[in-house]
């Protein structure tokens, strides 16, 4: 049986959330902590058995993964005080995907794992974010096509990373209350 730490050997703690993205498998790094990776056996073995029976959750096509060299993903509650905290937040990453693409992502429960081998924690069971079409502000409507493959562009590029960085900075400094939507 594989370990999720085989995929992220530098990490001491991991957070995993299954997501459904309608495109070919790919790897994308949103921040120094948060990655989107294709579905794979080591992650399936620890994630899928723990989320069976969760209402309205589909089997993931990808995983949203937080990987950290400290214990940040093995706490049921943690405060976001710095941009580093914000850039490691799986919840903010999910909202960034929803807002940036102006469409919902299907996301499963967020589970926390510790390399030391403790029982995984259920960190959160997020609601699926919705399209933010009612928020008429350029910050919420960047010039990018949704993620669906028939649009023919790749929205998982540097623009998404820059958007997540801007969201993290605004959220961590709480200068712009609009980000509290996250």
Protein backbone atom coordinates (compact mmCIF):
# COMPACT_ATOMS: atom_id res chain seq x y z
CA UNK A 1 0.00 0.00 0.00
CA UNK A 2 1.40 3.38 -1.02
CA UNK A 3 1.47 6.50 1.08
CA UNK A 4 0.46 10.02 0.06
CA UNK A 5 3.84 11.05 1.46
CA UNK A 6 5.48 9.03 -1.34
CA UNK A 7 4.02 11.62 -3.72
CA UNK A 8 5.09 14.59 -1.51
CA UNK A 9 8.20 13.33 0.36
CA UNK A 10 9.19 16.76 1.76
CA UNK A 11 5.86 17.21 3.55
CA UNK A 12 5.23 16.53 7.24
CA UNK A 13 1.48 17.11 6.87
CA UNK A 14 -0.89 16.96 3.93
CA UNK A 15 -4.43 18.08 3.22
CA UNK A 16 -6.34 16.26 0.47
CA UNK A 17 -9.59 17.21 -1.20
CA UNK A 18 -10.97 15.42 -4.22
CA UNK A 19 -12.08 17.74 -7.02
CA UNK A 20 -13.76 17.17 -10.36
CA UNK A 21 -12.26 19.05 -13.30
CA UNK A 22 -13.45 18.31 -16.81
CA UNK A 23 -10.14 18.21 -18.66
CA UNK A 24 -7.21 15.91 -19.25
CA UNK A 25 -5.08 15.04 -16.21
CA UNK A 26 -2.49 17.69 -15.45
CA UNK A 27 -0.35 19.01 -12.60
CA UNK A 28 -0.58 22.63 -11.54
CA UNK A 29 0.95 24.46 -8.58
CA UNK A 30 -1.15 27.31 -7.19
CA UNK A 31 1.31 28.37 -4.48
CA UNK A 32 4.37 26.99 -2.67
CA UNK A 33 1.92 24.81 -0.69
CA UNK A 34 -1.12 24.04 -2.87
CA UNK A 35 -1.08 21.72 -5.88
CA UNK A 36 -3.63 20.24 -8.27
CA UNK A 37 -2.62 16.72 -9.27
CA UNK A 38 -4.30 13.98 -11.29
CA UNK A 39 -5.98 11.17 -9.43
CA UNK A 40 -3.47 8.49 -8.44
CA UNK A 41 -3.33 5.31 -6.38
CA UNK A 42 -1.42 6.56 -3.33
CA UNK A 43 -3.95 9.35 -2.81
CA UNK A 44 -6.99 7.22 -3.66
CA UNK A 45 -6.01 4.58 -1.07
CA UNK A 46 -6.19 7.02 1.83
CA UNK A 47 -8.89 9.38 0.56
CA UNK A 48 -11.65 7.38 -1.12
CA UNK A 49 -12.39 4.90 1.72
CA UNK A 50 -12.89 7.83 4.11
CA UNK A 51 -15.37 9.77 1.97
CA UNK A 52 -17.60 6.94 0.80
CA UNK A 53 -21.20 7.72 1.61
CA UNK A 54 -20.76 11.49 1.59
CA UNK A 55 -23.85 12.86 -0.11
CA UNK A 56 -23.47 14.50 -3.51
CA UNK A 57 -19.76 13.71 -3.84
CA UNK A 58 -18.46 12.30 -7.11
CA UNK A 59 -15.26 10.32 -7.44
CA UNK A 60 -12.48 12.84 -8.10
CA UNK A 61 -10.67 13.34 -11.36
CA UNK A 62 -7.94 15.30 -9.52
CA UNK A 63 -6.84 16.18 -6.01
CA UNK A 64 -6.33 19.59 -4.47
CA UNK A 65 -3.34 18.93 -2.20
CA UNK A 66 -1.80 21.07 0.51
CA UNK A 67 1.71 19.92 1.40
CA UNK A 68 3.68 21.54 4.22
CA UNK A 69 6.94 20.85 6.08
CA UNK A 70 5.16 21.65 9.38
CA UNK A 71 1.92 20.71 11.19
CA UNK A 72 -0.37 23.25 9.46
CA UNK A 73 -2.54 20.56 7.84
CA UNK A 74 -3.07 18.60 11.02
CA UNK A 75 -5.14 21.14 12.92
CA UNK A 76 -8.92 21.24 12.84
CA UNK A 77 -8.92 25.04 13.10
CA UNK A 78 -6.19 27.50 12.26
CA UNK A 79 -6.21 31.24 11.91
CA UNK A 80 -5.03 32.92 8.74
CA UNK A 81 -2.72 35.72 9.85
CA UNK A 82 -0.08 35.96 7.11
CA UNK A 83 0.07 35.62 3.35
CA UNK A 84 1.87 32.29 3.87
CA UNK A 85 -1.11 31.05 5.91
CA UNK A 86 -3.48 32.23 3.18
CA UNK A 87 -1.42 30.67 0.39
CA UNK A 88 -1.58 27.33 2.18
CA UNK A 89 -5.36 27.43 2.70
CA UNK A 90 -7.19 24.74 0.77
CA UNK A 91 -10.46 26.61 1.35
CA UNK A 92 -9.09 29.81 -0.20
CA UNK A 93 -7.62 27.79 -3.06
CA UNK A 94 -11.04 26.29 -3.75
CA UNK A 95 -12.66 29.73 -3.69
CA UNK A 96 -9.96 31.08 -6.00
CA UNK A 97 -10.80 28.35 -8.52
CA UNK A 98 -14.52 29.12 -8.22
CA UNK A 99 -14.16 32.89 -8.51
CA UNK A 100 -11.46 32.86 -11.19
CA UNK A 101 -13.43 30.55 -13.43
CA UNK A 102 -16.87 31.99 -12.59
CA UNK A 103 -18.26 28.47 -12.20
CA UNK A 104 -18.53 25.88 -9.46
CA UNK A 105 -16.04 23.13 -8.81
CA UNK A 106 -17.20 19.91 -7.26
CA UNK A 107 -15.04 19.37 -4.21
CA UNK A 108 -15.11 16.66 -1.58
CA UNK A 109 -14.25 16.75 2.12
CA UNK A 110 -10.81 18.03 3.12
CA UNK A 111 -8.79 15.45 5.07
CA UNK A 112 -5.59 16.15 7.00
CA UNK A 113 -2.74 13.63 7.23
CA UNK A 114 0.38 13.55 9.37
CA UNK A 115 3.58 11.81 8.27
CA UNK A 116 3.97 10.43 11.79
CA UNK A 117 0.97 8.20 11.05
CA UNK A 118 -1.90 9.43 13.21
CA UNK A 119 -5.53 8.89 12.28
CA UNK A 120 -6.52 11.38 9.51
CA UNK A 121 -8.58 14.41 10.51
CA UNK A 122 -11.66 15.63 8.67
CA UNK A 123 -10.73 19.30 8.40
CA UNK A 124 -13.80 20.52 6.55
CA UNK A 125 -16.70 19.42 4.37
CA UNK A 126 -16.93 22.43 2.07
CA UNK A 127 -20.00 23.57 0.24
CA UNK A 128 -19.49 23.71 -3.48
CA UNK A 129 -18.69 27.28 -4.42
CA UNK A 130 -21.05 28.91 -6.86
CA UNK A 131 -20.64 31.18 -9.82
CA UNK A 132 -20.06 34.72 -8.64
CA UNK A 133 -21.77 36.36 -11.60
CA UNK A 134 -23.69 38.77 -9.36
CA UNK A 135 -20.50 40.46 -8.10
CA UNK A 136 -19.86 43.16 -10.68
CA UNK A 137 -16.20 43.86 -10.12
CA UNK A 138 -13.22 43.22 -12.35
CA UNK A 139 -11.48 41.44 -9.43
CA UNK A 140 -14.12 38.70 -9.54
CA UNK A 141 -14.31 38.44 -13.34
CA UNK A 142 -10.81 38.04 -14.80
CA UNK A 143 -10.60 37.66 -18.59
CA UNK A 144 -10.35 33.89 -18.64
CA UNK A 145 -12.51 31.16 -20.11
CA UNK A 146 -14.00 28.57 -17.75
CA UNK A 147 -12.10 25.34 -17.28
CA UNK A 148 -14.28 23.24 -19.58
CA UNK A 149 -12.09 21.73 -22.33
CA UNK A 150 -14.31 22.72 -25.25
CA UNK A 151 -13.32 26.37 -24.77
CA UNK A 152 -9.91 25.46 -26.15
CA UNK A 153 -7.73 27.49 -23.78
CA UNK A 154 -5.69 26.60 -20.73
CA UNK A 155 -6.98 28.56 -17.73
CA UNK A 156 -4.48 26.83 -15.43
CA UNK A 157 -1.65 29.20 -16.18
CA UNK A 158 0.28 31.99 -14.46
CA UNK A 159 -2.89 34.12 -14.39
CA UNK A 160 -4.49 31.70 -11.92
CA UNK A 161 -1.36 31.74 -9.75
CA UNK A 162 -1.36 35.56 -9.76
CA UNK A 163 -5.05 35.63 -8.88
CA UNK A 164 -4.54 33.25 -5.95
CA UNK A 165 -1.58 35.33 -4.78
CA UNK A 166 -3.68 38.52 -4.94
CA UNK A 167 -6.55 36.83 -3.11
CA UNK A 168 -4.17 35.51 -0.43
CA UNK A 169 -2.58 38.90 0.08
CA UNK A 170 -5.92 40.71 0.31
CA UNK A 171 -7.40 38.06 2.60
CA UNK A 172 -4.40 37.88 4.96
CA UNK A 173 -4.18 41.65 5.29
CA UNK A 174 -7.99 42.03 5.41
CA UNK A 175 -7.72 45.37 3.65
CA UNK A 176 -10.40 44.50 1.16
CA UNK A 177 -13.49 43.06 2.86
CA UNK A 178 -14.78 41.60 -0.42
CA UNK A 179 -12.36 38.69 0.03
CA UNK A 180 -14.20 37.64 3.17
CA UNK A 181 -16.58 35.88 0.74
CA UNK A 182 -13.94 33.18 0.79
